[in-house]
Amino acid sequence: MTSEERDDYWKTQSSLSTVSATTPTYADACDTLGYSRLHPTPFASEWRNSQAAVETGPVPAATGADDEDRPRNPEADDATPIVAEKQGAEVLLLNGWQVTGVAWAIRQENLPIRGGMIADDCGTGKTVIMLTVILEQYRTALVDHAQGGTGPWKPTLVIAPPHVVDVWFQEVQRFFSSELEIWRFYETKDKVTNATMKARTLPSTATALVHWLDDKCPPDSPRSCAKIIVTAYETFTLRTLMEKAGGKAKGMSVDYSLAPDYSLLARPRPPAVCSVLTAAGSETGQASSR
């Protein structure tokens, strides 16, 4: 073993021992993210404007809307979930555990072994947590670009159970559409009745998707980080992997050499700030991992 190989070995061992970032306190998380401790929101200016305007008043809302409309434990945190309404738009306020979850996930991305898992109970807002992480990563990309950074910047691929594909779409449209875009790599346009979803449904072949990524998500543009592609496990598998049986191909395949920078299955390396996100459903809750 050469000296360089030995150094690489111990570096890898050290990285593997760093499994999880320390969970910050609520106060530290707010300070890190730049959120108000009293009204924690990633949309501070919109919140201030909503308070200055005529409001319908704070109403209980599933700001942590997830795959199921289950009630949250009111004793889980002292942050009251509310939504301010102004001219038909909603301004998201995060629960306390969502703020610490966002800060933890961002810290986790900066560790040697990137990624992690949020396995909170059903209805506690894991979808909103991860969408806020994507939003903050996009904002970081904008700052990096303004300071001379060159990327590469990539979109986020969300792989979810079929029954929550549209939950992700609706949550983005409800709270994050001012900065994030979400696209469906799921179903075909002729099967979609909702006009907004139809307009945001991508072509059904993987080859067409790669061309779309090449055209709409250039790696030198931080705006690429604002784009989210949501799909289901089986759909993504059938559309991107080739199976051979008796010399015949089943499903769809794609030649990734068409756009080598857009391998959908490869985790990007720093300084890329977007990655593959998997939402896994279970009987006890949905776990989101990056």
C-alpha atoms as a PDB file:
ATOM      1  CA  MET A   1       0.000   0.000   0.000  1.00  0.00           C
ATOM      2  CA  THR A   2       1.460   3.335  -1.033  1.00  0.00           C
ATOM      3  CA  SER A   3       1.489   6.359   1.250  1.00  0.00           C
ATOM      4  CA  GLU A   4      -1.255   7.998  -0.817  1.00  0.00           C
ATOM      5  CA  GLU A   5      -3.432   4.880  -0.667  1.00  0.00           C
ATOM      6  CA  ARG A   6      -2.910   4.659   3.096  1.00  0.00           C
ATOM      7  CA  ASP A   7      -3.924   8.311   3.541  1.00  0.00           C
ATOM      8  CA  ASP A   8      -7.034   7.725   1.433  1.00  0.00           C
ATOM      9  CA  TYR A   9      -7.905   4.678   3.527  1.00  0.00           C
ATOM     10  CA  TRP A  10      -7.748   6.535   6.835  1.00  0.00           C
ATOM     11  CA  LYS A  11      -9.587   9.497   5.375  1.00  0.00           C
ATOM     12  CA  THR A  12     -12.402   7.156   4.340  1.00  0.00           C
ATOM     13  CA  GLN A  13     -12.457   5.513   7.776  1.00  0.00           C
ATOM     14  CA  SER A  14     -12.681   8.919   9.429  1.00  0.00           C
ATOM     15  CA  SER A  15     -15.538   9.922   7.139  1.00  0.00           C
ATOM     16  CA  LEU A  16     -17.483   6.743   7.859  1.00  0.00           C
ATOM     17  CA  SER A  17     -17.246   7.426  11.603  1.00  0.00           C
ATOM     18  CA  THR A  18     -18.938  10.814  11.093  1.00  0.00           C
ATOM     19  CA  VAL A  19     -22.468   9.550  10.673  1.00  0.00           C
ATOM     20  CA  SER A  20     -24.658  12.391  11.852  1.00  0.00           C
ATOM     21  CA  ALA A  21     -24.432  16.087  12.478  1.00  0.00           C
ATOM     22  CA  THR A  22     -25.367  17.345  15.931  1.00  0.00           C
ATOM     23  CA  THR A  23     -29.004  18.424  16.097  1.00  0.00           C
ATOM     24  CA  PRO A  24     -29.014  22.159  16.815  1.00  0.00           C
ATOM     25  CA  THR A  25     -31.211  23.802  19.410  1.00  0.00           C
ATOM     26  CA  TYR A  26     -34.211  25.750  18.160  1.00  0.00           C
ATOM     27  CA  ALA A  27     -32.466  29.060  18.888  1.00  0.00           C
ATOM     28  CA  ASP A  28     -29.264  27.997  17.136  1.00  0.00           C
ATOM     29  CA  ALA A  29     -31.243  26.710  14.143  1.00  0.00           C
ATOM     30  CA  CYS A  30     -33.107  30.011  13.790  1.00  0.00           C
ATOM     31  CA  ASP A  31     -29.861  31.972  14.033  1.00  0.00           C
ATOM     32  CA  THR A  32     -28.145  29.719  11.472  1.00  0.00           C
ATOM     33  CA  LEU A  33     -31.001  29.992   8.996  1.00  0.00           C
ATOM     34  CA  GLY A  34     -31.677  33.660   9.672  1.00  0.00           C
ATOM     35  CA  TYR A  35     -35.257  32.983  10.805  1.00  0.00           C
ATOM     36  CA  SER A  36     -37.143  34.925  13.445  1.00  0.00           C
ATOM     37  CA  ARG A  37     -37.497  32.880  16.632  1.00  0.00           C
ATOM     38  CA  LEU A  38     -41.005  34.252  17.152  1.00  0.00           C
ATOM     39  CA  HIS A  39     -42.197  33.738  13.575  1.00  0.00           C
ATOM     40  CA  PRO A  40     -39.869  31.203  11.915  1.00  0.00           C
ATOM     41  CA  THR A  41     -40.365  31.387   8.180  1.00  0.00           C
ATOM     42  CA  PRO A  42     -38.134  31.230   5.096  1.00  0.00           C
ATOM     43  CA  PHE A  43     -40.256  34.067   3.658  1.00  0.00           C
ATOM     44  CA  ALA A  44     -39.661  36.867   6.168  1.00  0.00           C
ATOM     45  CA  SER A  45     -40.526  39.792   3.891  1.00  0.00           C
ATOM     46  CA  GLU A  46     -43.763  38.149   2.757  1.00  0.00           C
ATOM     47  CA  TRP A  47     -44.647  37.516   6.396  1.00  0.00           C
ATOM     48  CA  ARG A  48     -44.078  41.172   7.305  1.00  0.00           C
ATOM     49  CA  ASN A  49     -46.167  42.282   4.343  1.00  0.00           C
ATOM     50  CA  SER A  50     -48.953  39.914   5.319  1.00  0.00           C
ATOM     51  CA  GLN A  51     -49.005  41.367   8.821  1.00  0.00           C
ATOM     52  CA  ALA A  52     -49.207  44.896   7.463  1.00  0.00           C
ATOM     53  CA  ALA A  53     -52.098  43.998   5.174  1.00  0.00           C
ATOM     54  CA  VAL A  54     -55.650  43.128   6.089  1.00  0.00           C
ATOM     55  CA  GLU A  55     -55.568  39.527   7.301  1.00  0.00           C
ATOM     56  CA  THR A  56     -58.188  36.936   7.740  1.00  0.00           C
ATOM     57  CA  GLY A  57     -56.348  36.110  10.951  1.00  0.00           C
ATOM     58  CA  PRO A  58     -54.086  33.229  11.896  1.00  0.00           C
ATOM     59  CA  VAL A  59     -55.841  29.922  11.418  1.00  0.00           C
ATOM     60  CA  PRO A  60     -54.779  26.419  12.373  1.00  0.00           C
ATOM     61  CA  ALA A  61     -53.159  24.926   9.330  1.00  0.00           C
ATOM     62  CA  ALA A  62     -51.250  21.809   8.412  1.00  0.00           C
ATOM     63  CA  THR A  63     -48.145  23.803   7.536  1.00  0.00           C
ATOM     64  CA  GLY A  64     -46.428  20.468   7.907  1.00  0.00           C
ATOM     65  CA  ALA A  65     -48.858  18.955   5.412  1.00  0.00           C
ATOM     66  CA  ASP A  66     -47.653  15.495   4.541  1.00  0.00           C
ATOM     67  CA  ASP A  67     -48.943  12.370   2.935  1.00  0.00           C
ATOM     68  CA  GLU A  68     -51.696  11.976   5.523  1.00  0.00           C
ATOM     69  CA  ASP A  69     -54.008  14.420   7.289  1.00  0.00           C
ATOM     70  CA  ARG A  70     -53.211  13.129  10.734  1.00  0.00           C
ATOM     71  CA  PRO A  71     -53.243  15.493  13.727  1.00  0.00           C
ATOM     72  CA  ARG A  72     -49.886  16.523  15.126  1.00  0.00           C
ATOM     73  CA  ASN A  73     -48.995  16.138  18.775  1.00  0.00           C
ATOM     74  CA  PRO A  74     -49.660  19.570  20.320  1.00  0.00           C
ATOM     75  CA  GLU A  75     -47.053  18.851  23.001  1.00  0.00           C
ATOM     76  CA  ALA A  76     -44.291  18.131  20.498  1.00  0.00           C
ATOM     77  CA  ASP A  77     -43.222  21.773  20.327  1.00  0.00           C
ATOM     78  CA  ASP A  78     -44.315  25.163  21.594  1.00  0.00           C
ATOM     79  CA  ALA A  79     -44.262  26.775  18.150  1.00  0.00           C
ATOM     80  CA  THR A  80     -47.843  27.334  16.993  1.00  0.00           C
ATOM     81  CA  PRO A  81     -48.384  26.387  13.340  1.00  0.00           C
ATOM     82  CA  ILE A  82     -50.207  29.164  11.504  1.00  0.00           C
ATOM     83  CA  VAL A  83     -50.580  30.411   7.982  1.00  0.00           C
ATOM     84  CA  ALA A  84     -51.090  34.047   7.054  1.00  0.00           C
ATOM     85  CA  GLU A  85     -53.264  34.714   4.036  1.00  0.00           C
ATOM     86  CA  LYS A  86     -52.807  37.664   1.754  1.00  0.00           C
ATOM     87  CA  GLN A  87     -54.410  38.105  -1.643  1.00  0.00           C
ATOM     88  CA  GLY A  88     -54.996  34.375  -1.946  1.00  0.00           C
ATOM     89  CA  ALA A  89     -51.393  33.424  -1.201  1.00  0.00           C
ATOM     90  CA  GLU A  90     -50.201  31.661   1.935  1.00  0.00           C
ATOM     91  CA  VAL A  91     -47.078  32.474   3.902  1.00  0.00           C
ATOM     92  CA  LEU A  92     -45.526  29.441   5.534  1.00  0.00           C
ATOM     93  CA  LEU A  93     -44.558  29.431   9.194  1.00  0.00           C
ATOM     94  CA  LEU A  94     -42.512  26.460  10.332  1.00  0.00           C
ATOM     95  CA  ASN A  95     -42.992  24.501  13.517  1.00  0.00           C
ATOM     96  CA  GLY A  96     -40.046  24.406  15.902  1.00  0.00           C
ATOM     97  CA  TRP A  97     -39.095  20.832  15.037  1.00  0.00           C
ATOM     98  CA  GLN A  98     -39.202  21.715  11.356  1.00  0.00           C
ATOM     99  CA  VAL A  99     -36.726  24.551  11.881  1.00  0.00           C
ATOM    100  CA  THR A 100     -34.271  22.261  13.677  1.00  0.00           C
ATOM    101  CA  GLY A 101     -34.849  19.586  11.016  1.00  0.00           C
ATOM    102  CA  VAL A 102     -33.951  21.999   8.216  1.00  0.00           C
ATOM    103  CA  ALA A 103     -30.814  23.197   9.995  1.00  0.00           C
ATOM    104  CA  TRP A 104     -29.756  19.618  10.771  1.00  0.00           C
ATOM    105  CA  ALA A 105     -30.256  18.469   7.158  1.00  0.00           C
ATOM    106  CA  ILE A 106     -28.166  21.341   5.826  1.00  0.00           C
ATOM    107  CA  ARG A 107     -25.398  20.559   8.319  1.00  0.00           C
ATOM    108  CA  GLN A 108     -25.606  16.924   7.282  1.00  0.00           C
ATOM    109  CA  GLU A 109     -24.983  17.866   3.645  1.00  0.00           C
ATOM    110  CA  ASN A 110     -21.681  19.422   4.650  1.00  0.00           C
ATOM    111  CA  LEU A 111     -20.329  16.304   6.378  1.00  0.00           C
ATOM    112  CA  PRO A 112     -17.856  13.931   4.696  1.00  0.00           C
ATOM    113  CA  ILE A 113     -20.616  11.337   4.224  1.00  0.00           C
ATOM    114  CA  ARG A 114     -23.380  13.489   2.772  1.00  0.00           C
ATOM    115  CA  GLY A 115     -27.052  12.768   3.207  1.00  0.00           C
ATOM    116  CA  GLY A 116     -29.211  11.455   5.996  1.00  0.00           C
ATOM    117  CA  MET A 117     -32.698  10.494   7.055  1.00  0.00           C
ATOM    118  CA  ILE A 118     -35.588  12.294   8.699  1.00  0.00           C
ATOM    119  CA  ALA A 119     -37.967   9.736  10.157  1.00  0.00           C
ATOM    120  CA  ASP A 120     -40.452  11.875  12.076  1.00  0.00           C
ATOM    121  CA  ASP A 121     -44.011  10.714  12.682  1.00  0.00           C
ATOM    122  CA  CYS A 122     -46.771  11.022  10.092  1.00  0.00           C
ATOM    123  CA  GLY A 123     -48.203  14.493   9.753  1.00  0.00           C
ATOM    124  CA  THR A 124     -45.237  16.326  11.286  1.00  0.00           C
ATOM    125  CA  GLY A 125     -44.168  17.934   8.047  1.00  0.00           C
ATOM    126  CA  LYS A 126     -41.208  16.080   6.585  1.00  0.00           C
ATOM    127  CA  THR A 127     -42.151  17.166   3.066  1.00  0.00           C
ATOM    128  CA  VAL A 128     -42.089  20.826   4.101  1.00  0.00           C
ATOM    129  CA  ILE A 129     -38.757  20.292   5.883  1.00  0.00           C
ATOM    130  CA  MET A 130     -37.112  18.895   2.766  1.00  0.00           C
ATOM    131  CA  LEU A 131     -38.629  21.516   0.487  1.00  0.00           C
ATOM    132  CA  THR A 132     -37.268  24.208   2.802  1.00  0.00           C
ATOM    133  CA  VAL A 133     -33.836  22.546   2.619  1.00  0.00           C
ATOM    134  CA  ILE A 134     -34.016  22.624  -1.189  1.00  0.00           C
ATOM    135  CA  LEU A 135     -35.075  26.282  -1.036  1.00  0.00           C
ATOM    136  CA  GLU A 136     -32.161  27.213   1.220  1.00  0.00           C
ATOM    137  CA  GLN A 137     -29.727  25.273  -0.970  1.00  0.00           C
ATOM    138  CA  TYR A 138     -31.020  27.175  -3.985  1.00  0.00           C
ATOM    139  CA  ARG A 139     -30.497  30.480  -2.185  1.00  0.00           C
ATOM    140  CA  THR A 140     -26.972  29.365  -1.289  1.00  0.00           C
ATOM    141  CA  ALA A 141     -26.351  28.625  -4.967  1.00  0.00           C
ATOM    142  CA  LEU A 142     -27.460  32.156  -5.891  1.00  0.00           C
ATOM    143  CA  VAL A 143     -25.026  33.651  -3.372  1.00  0.00           C
ATOM    144  CA  ASP A 144     -22.254  31.363  -4.567  1.00  0.00           C
ATOM    145  CA  HIS A 145     -22.922  32.386  -8.176  1.00  0.00           C
ATOM    146  CA  ALA A 146     -22.899  36.086  -7.263  1.00  0.00           C
ATOM    147  CA  GLN A 147     -19.497  35.583  -5.646  1.00  0.00           C
ATOM    148  CA  GLY A 148     -18.057  34.006  -8.774  1.00  0.00           C
ATOM    149  CA  GLY A 149     -18.961  30.358  -8.261  1.00  0.00           C
ATOM    150  CA  THR A 150     -19.373  28.219 -11.363  1.00  0.00           C
ATOM    151  CA  GLY A 151     -21.285  25.223 -10.026  1.00  0.00           C
ATOM    152  CA  PRO A 152     -22.090  22.658 -11.186  1.00  0.00           C
ATOM    153  CA  TRP A 153     -25.677  23.213 -10.058  1.00  0.00           C
ATOM    154  CA  LYS A 154     -28.257  20.498 -10.490  1.00  0.00           C
ATOM    155  CA  PRO A 155     -31.962  19.957  -9.931  1.00  0.00           C
ATOM    156  CA  THR A 156     -33.359  17.706  -7.221  1.00  0.00           C
ATOM    157  CA  LEU A 157     -34.921  14.365  -8.076  1.00  0.00           C
ATOM    158  CA  VAL A 158     -37.615  13.276  -5.600  1.00  0.00           C
ATOM    159  CA  ILE A 159     -38.500   9.575  -5.704  1.00  0.00           C
ATOM    160  CA  ALA A 160     -41.679   8.936  -3.750  1.00  0.00           C
ATOM    161  CA  PRO A 161     -44.486   6.390  -3.353  1.00  0.00           C
ATOM    162  CA  PRO A 162     -47.194   6.913  -6.007  1.00  0.00           C
ATOM    163  CA  HIS A 163     -49.781   8.185  -3.542  1.00  0.00           C
ATOM    164  CA  VAL A 164     -47.617  11.132  -2.441  1.00  0.00           C
ATOM    165  CA  VAL A 165     -46.245  12.251  -5.819  1.00  0.00           C
ATOM    166  CA  ASP A 166     -48.943  14.883  -6.097  1.00  0.00           C
ATOM    167  CA  VAL A 167     -48.558  15.836  -2.424  1.00  0.00           C
ATOM    168  CA  TRP A 168     -45.061  17.058  -3.224  1.00  0.00           C
ATOM    169  CA  PHE A 169     -46.397  18.942  -6.232  1.00  0.00           C
ATOM    170  CA  GLN A 170     -49.167  20.585  -4.220  1.00  0.00           C
ATOM    171  CA  GLU A 171     -46.877  21.593  -1.361  1.00  0.00           C
ATOM    172  CA  VAL A 172     -44.487  23.348  -3.739  1.00  0.00           C
ATOM    173  CA  GLN A 173     -47.342  25.136  -5.476  1.00  0.00           C
ATOM    174  CA  ARG A 174     -48.890  26.114  -2.164  1.00  0.00           C
ATOM    175  CA  PHE A 175     -45.864  27.472  -0.326  1.00  0.00           C
ATOM    176  CA  PHE A 176     -42.742  27.595  -2.506  1.00  0.00           C
ATOM    177  CA  SER A 177     -43.825  28.499  -6.046  1.00  0.00           C
ATOM    178  CA  SER A 178     -42.349  32.015  -5.781  1.00  0.00           C
ATOM    179  CA  GLU A 179     -38.856  30.476  -5.953  1.00  0.00           C
ATOM    180  CA  LEU A 180     -39.045  26.755  -6.711  1.00  0.00           C
ATOM    181  CA  GLU A 181     -40.380  24.863  -9.735  1.00  0.00           C
ATOM    182  CA  ILE A 182     -41.700  21.322  -9.553  1.00  0.00           C
ATOM    183  CA  TRP A 183     -42.144  18.983 -12.516  1.00  0.00           C
ATOM    184  CA  ARG A 184     -43.787  15.559 -12.676  1.00  0.00           C
ATOM    185  CA  PHE A 185     -41.969  12.631 -14.284  1.00  0.00           C
ATOM    186  CA  TYR A 186     -45.095  10.626 -13.670  1.00  0.00           C
ATOM    187  CA  GLU A 187     -48.119   9.655 -15.781  1.00  0.00           C
ATOM    188  CA  THR A 188     -48.559  11.146 -19.246  1.00  0.00           C
ATOM    189  CA  LYS A 189     -50.184  14.450 -20.118  1.00  0.00           C
ATOM    190  CA  ASP A 190     -53.208  12.808 -21.727  1.00  0.00           C
ATOM    191  CA  LYS A 191     -54.072  11.205 -18.361  1.00  0.00           C
ATOM    192  CA  VAL A 192     -53.779  14.413 -16.319  1.00  0.00           C
ATOM    193  CA  THR A 193     -56.930  16.505 -15.907  1.00  0.00           C
ATOM    194  CA  ASN A 194     -55.548  19.267 -13.675  1.00  0.00           C
ATOM    195  CA  ALA A 195     -54.320  22.069 -15.962  1.00  0.00           C
ATOM    196  CA  THR A 196     -51.394  23.094 -13.756  1.00  0.00           C
ATOM    197  CA  MET A 197     -50.186  19.532 -13.328  1.00  0.00           C
ATOM    198  CA  LYS A 198     -50.619  18.841 -17.036  1.00  0.00           C
ATOM    199  CA  ALA A 199     -48.400  21.820 -17.898  1.00  0.00           C
ATOM    200  CA  ARG A 200     -45.756  20.543 -15.469  1.00  0.00           C
ATOM    201  CA  THR A 201     -45.805  16.896 -16.596  1.00  0.00           C
ATOM    202  CA  LEU A 202     -42.620  15.913 -18.414  1.00  0.00           C
ATOM    203  CA  PRO A 203     -42.320  13.592 -21.418  1.00  0.00           C
ATOM    204  CA  SER A 204     -42.580   9.953 -20.410  1.00  0.00           C
ATOM    205  CA  THR A 205     -39.329   8.630 -21.886  1.00  0.00           C
ATOM    206  CA  ALA A 206     -36.008   8.845 -20.108  1.00  0.00           C
ATOM    207  CA  THR A 207     -34.262  10.004 -23.261  1.00  0.00           C
ATOM    208  CA  ALA A 208     -36.659  12.937 -23.536  1.00  0.00           C
ATOM    209  CA  LEU A 209     -36.068  13.689 -19.855  1.00  0.00           C
ATOM    210  CA  VAL A 210     -32.311  13.809 -20.352  1.00  0.00           C
ATOM    211  CA  HIS A 211     -32.762  16.235 -23.258  1.00  0.00           C
ATOM    212  CA  TRP A 212     -35.075  18.358 -21.099  1.00  0.00           C
ATOM    213  CA  LEU A 213     -32.467  18.443 -18.337  1.00  0.00           C
ATOM    214  CA  ASP A 214     -29.778  19.396 -20.821  1.00  0.00           C
ATOM    215  CA  ASP A 215     -31.926  22.261 -22.112  1.00  0.00           C
ATOM    216  CA  LYS A 216     -33.626  23.515 -18.946  1.00  0.00           C
ATOM    217  CA  CYS A 217     -31.082  22.715 -16.216  1.00  0.00           C
ATOM    218  CA  PRO A 218     -27.644  23.847 -17.382  1.00  0.00           C
ATOM    219  CA  PRO A 219     -25.027  23.049 -14.709  1.00  0.00           C
ATOM    220  CA  ASP A 220     -23.607  26.583 -14.875  1.00  0.00           C
ATOM    221  CA  SER A 221     -26.926  28.171 -13.856  1.00  0.00           C
ATOM    222  CA  PRO A 222     -27.889  28.317 -10.155  1.00  0.00           C
ATOM    223  CA  ARG A 223     -31.518  28.398 -11.290  1.00  0.00           C
ATOM    224  CA  SER A 224     -31.155  24.680 -12.000  1.00  0.00           C
ATOM    225  CA  CYS A 225     -31.187  24.147  -8.221  1.00  0.00           C
ATOM    226  CA  ALA A 226     -34.678  25.612  -8.065  1.00  0.00           C
ATOM    227  CA  LYS A 227     -36.108  22.809 -10.182  1.00  0.00           C
ATOM    228  CA  ILE A 228     -37.557  19.677  -8.602  1.00  0.00           C
ATOM    229  CA  ILE A 229     -38.521  16.551 -10.523  1.00  0.00           C
ATOM    230  CA  VAL A 230     -40.888  14.239  -8.666  1.00  0.00           C
ATOM    231  CA  THR A 231     -41.526  10.661  -9.704  1.00  0.00           C
ATOM    232  CA  ALA A 232     -42.561   7.292  -8.266  1.00  0.00           C
ATOM    233  CA  TYR A 233     -40.231   4.335  -7.668  1.00  0.00           C
ATOM    234  CA  GLU A 234     -41.779   2.020 -10.248  1.00  0.00           C
ATOM    235  CA  THR A 235     -42.259   4.753 -12.828  1.00  0.00           C
ATOM    236  CA  PHE A 236     -38.639   5.843 -12.598  1.00  0.00           C
ATOM    237  CA  THR A 237     -37.384   2.278 -12.752  1.00  0.00           C
ATOM    238  CA  LEU A 238     -39.468   1.340 -15.792  1.00  0.00           C
ATOM    239  CA  ARG A 239     -38.561   4.509 -17.636  1.00  0.00           C
ATOM    240  CA  THR A 240     -34.827   4.496 -16.998  1.00  0.00           C
ATOM    241  CA  LEU A 241     -33.660   0.904 -16.628  1.00  0.00           C
ATOM    242  CA  MET A 242     -33.523  -1.755 -19.308  1.00  0.00           C
ATOM    243  CA  GLU A 243     -34.500  -5.346 -18.667  1.00  0.00           C
ATOM    244  CA  LYS A 244     -33.707  -8.058 -21.177  1.00  0.00           C
ATOM    245  CA  ALA A 245     -35.767 -11.186 -21.621  1.00  0.00           C
ATOM    246  CA  GLY A 246     -35.344 -13.432 -24.597  1.00  0.00           C
ATOM    247  CA  GLY A 247     -33.330 -10.780 -26.393  1.00  0.00           C
ATOM    248  CA  LYS A 248     -36.149  -8.230 -26.109  1.00  0.00           C
ATOM    249  CA  ALA A 249     -35.946  -5.090 -24.014  1.00  0.00           C
ATOM    250  CA  LYS A 250     -38.689  -4.397 -21.527  1.00  0.00           C
ATOM    251  CA  GLY A 251     -39.403  -0.947 -20.215  1.00  0.00           C
ATOM    252  CA  MET A 252     -37.394   2.037 -21.424  1.00  0.00           C
ATOM    253  CA  SER A 253     -33.702   2.734 -21.548  1.00  0.00           C
ATOM    254  CA  VAL A 254     -31.546   5.798 -22.003  1.00  0.00           C
ATOM    255  CA  ASP A 255     -28.026   6.463 -23.218  1.00  0.00           C
ATOM    256  CA  TYR A 256     -26.645   8.757 -20.519  1.00  0.00           C
ATOM    257  CA  SER A 257     -23.712   9.628 -22.773  1.00  0.00           C
ATOM    258  CA  LEU A 258     -26.140  12.085 -24.386  1.00  0.00           C
ATOM    259  CA  ALA A 259     -25.701  14.299 -21.355  1.00  0.00           C
ATOM    260  CA  PRO A 260     -22.996  12.937 -19.045  1.00  0.00           C
ATOM    261  CA  ASP A 261     -23.482  15.689 -16.481  1.00  0.00           C
ATOM    262  CA  TYR A 262     -27.033  14.571 -15.830  1.00  0.00           C
ATOM    263  CA  SER A 263     -26.756  11.011 -14.601  1.00  0.00           C
ATOM    264  CA  LEU A 264     -29.950  10.735 -12.595  1.00  0.00           C
ATOM    265  CA  LEU A 265     -28.624   7.980 -10.400  1.00  0.00           C
ATOM    266  CA  ALA A 266     -25.312   9.544  -9.415  1.00  0.00           C
ATOM    267  CA  ARG A 267     -24.953  11.732  -6.344  1.00  0.00           C
ATOM    268  CA  PRO A 268     -23.304  15.020  -7.319  1.00  0.00           C
ATOM    269  CA  ARG A 269     -20.060  15.987  -5.645  1.00  0.00           C
ATOM    270  CA  PRO A 270     -19.336  19.349  -4.045  1.00  0.00           C
ATOM    271  CA  PRO A 271     -19.791  22.162  -4.897  1.00  0.00           C
ATOM    272  CA  ALA A 272     -23.102  20.897  -6.288  1.00  0.00           C
ATOM    273  CA  VAL A 273     -25.880  21.650  -3.826  1.00  0.00           C
ATOM    274  CA  CYS A 274     -28.749  19.546  -5.173  1.00  0.00           C
ATOM    275  CA  SER A 275     -29.104  15.803  -4.995  1.00  0.00           C
ATOM    276  CA  VAL A 276     -31.352  12.784  -5.171  1.00  0.00           C
ATOM    277  CA  LEU A 277     -34.061  12.812  -2.520  1.00  0.00           C
ATOM    278  CA  THR A 278     -36.029   9.694  -1.635  1.00  0.00           C
ATOM    279  CA  ALA A 279     -39.321   9.695   0.229  1.00  0.00           C
ATOM    280  CA  ALA A 280     -40.087   6.267   1.635  1.00  0.00           C
ATOM    281  CA  GLY A 281     -43.506   5.471   3.018  1.00  0.00           C
ATOM    282  CA  SER A 282     -44.181   3.017   5.820  1.00  0.00           C
ATOM    283  CA  GLU A 283     -46.960   2.129   8.211  1.00  0.00           C
ATOM    284  CA  THR A 284     -45.363   4.194  10.948  1.00  0.00           C
ATOM    285  CA  GLY A 285     -44.425   7.213   8.897  1.00  0.00           C
ATOM    286  CA  GLN A 286     -42.701   8.610   5.860  1.00  0.00           C
ATOM    287  CA  ALA A 287     -38.940   8.859   6.029  1.00  0.00           C
ATOM    288  CA  SER A 288     -37.174  11.345   3.817  1.00  0.00           C
ATOM    289  CA  SER A 289     -33.515  10.863   3.045  1.00  0.00           C
ATOM    290  CA  ARG A 290     -30.975  12.808   1.086  1.00  0.00           C
END
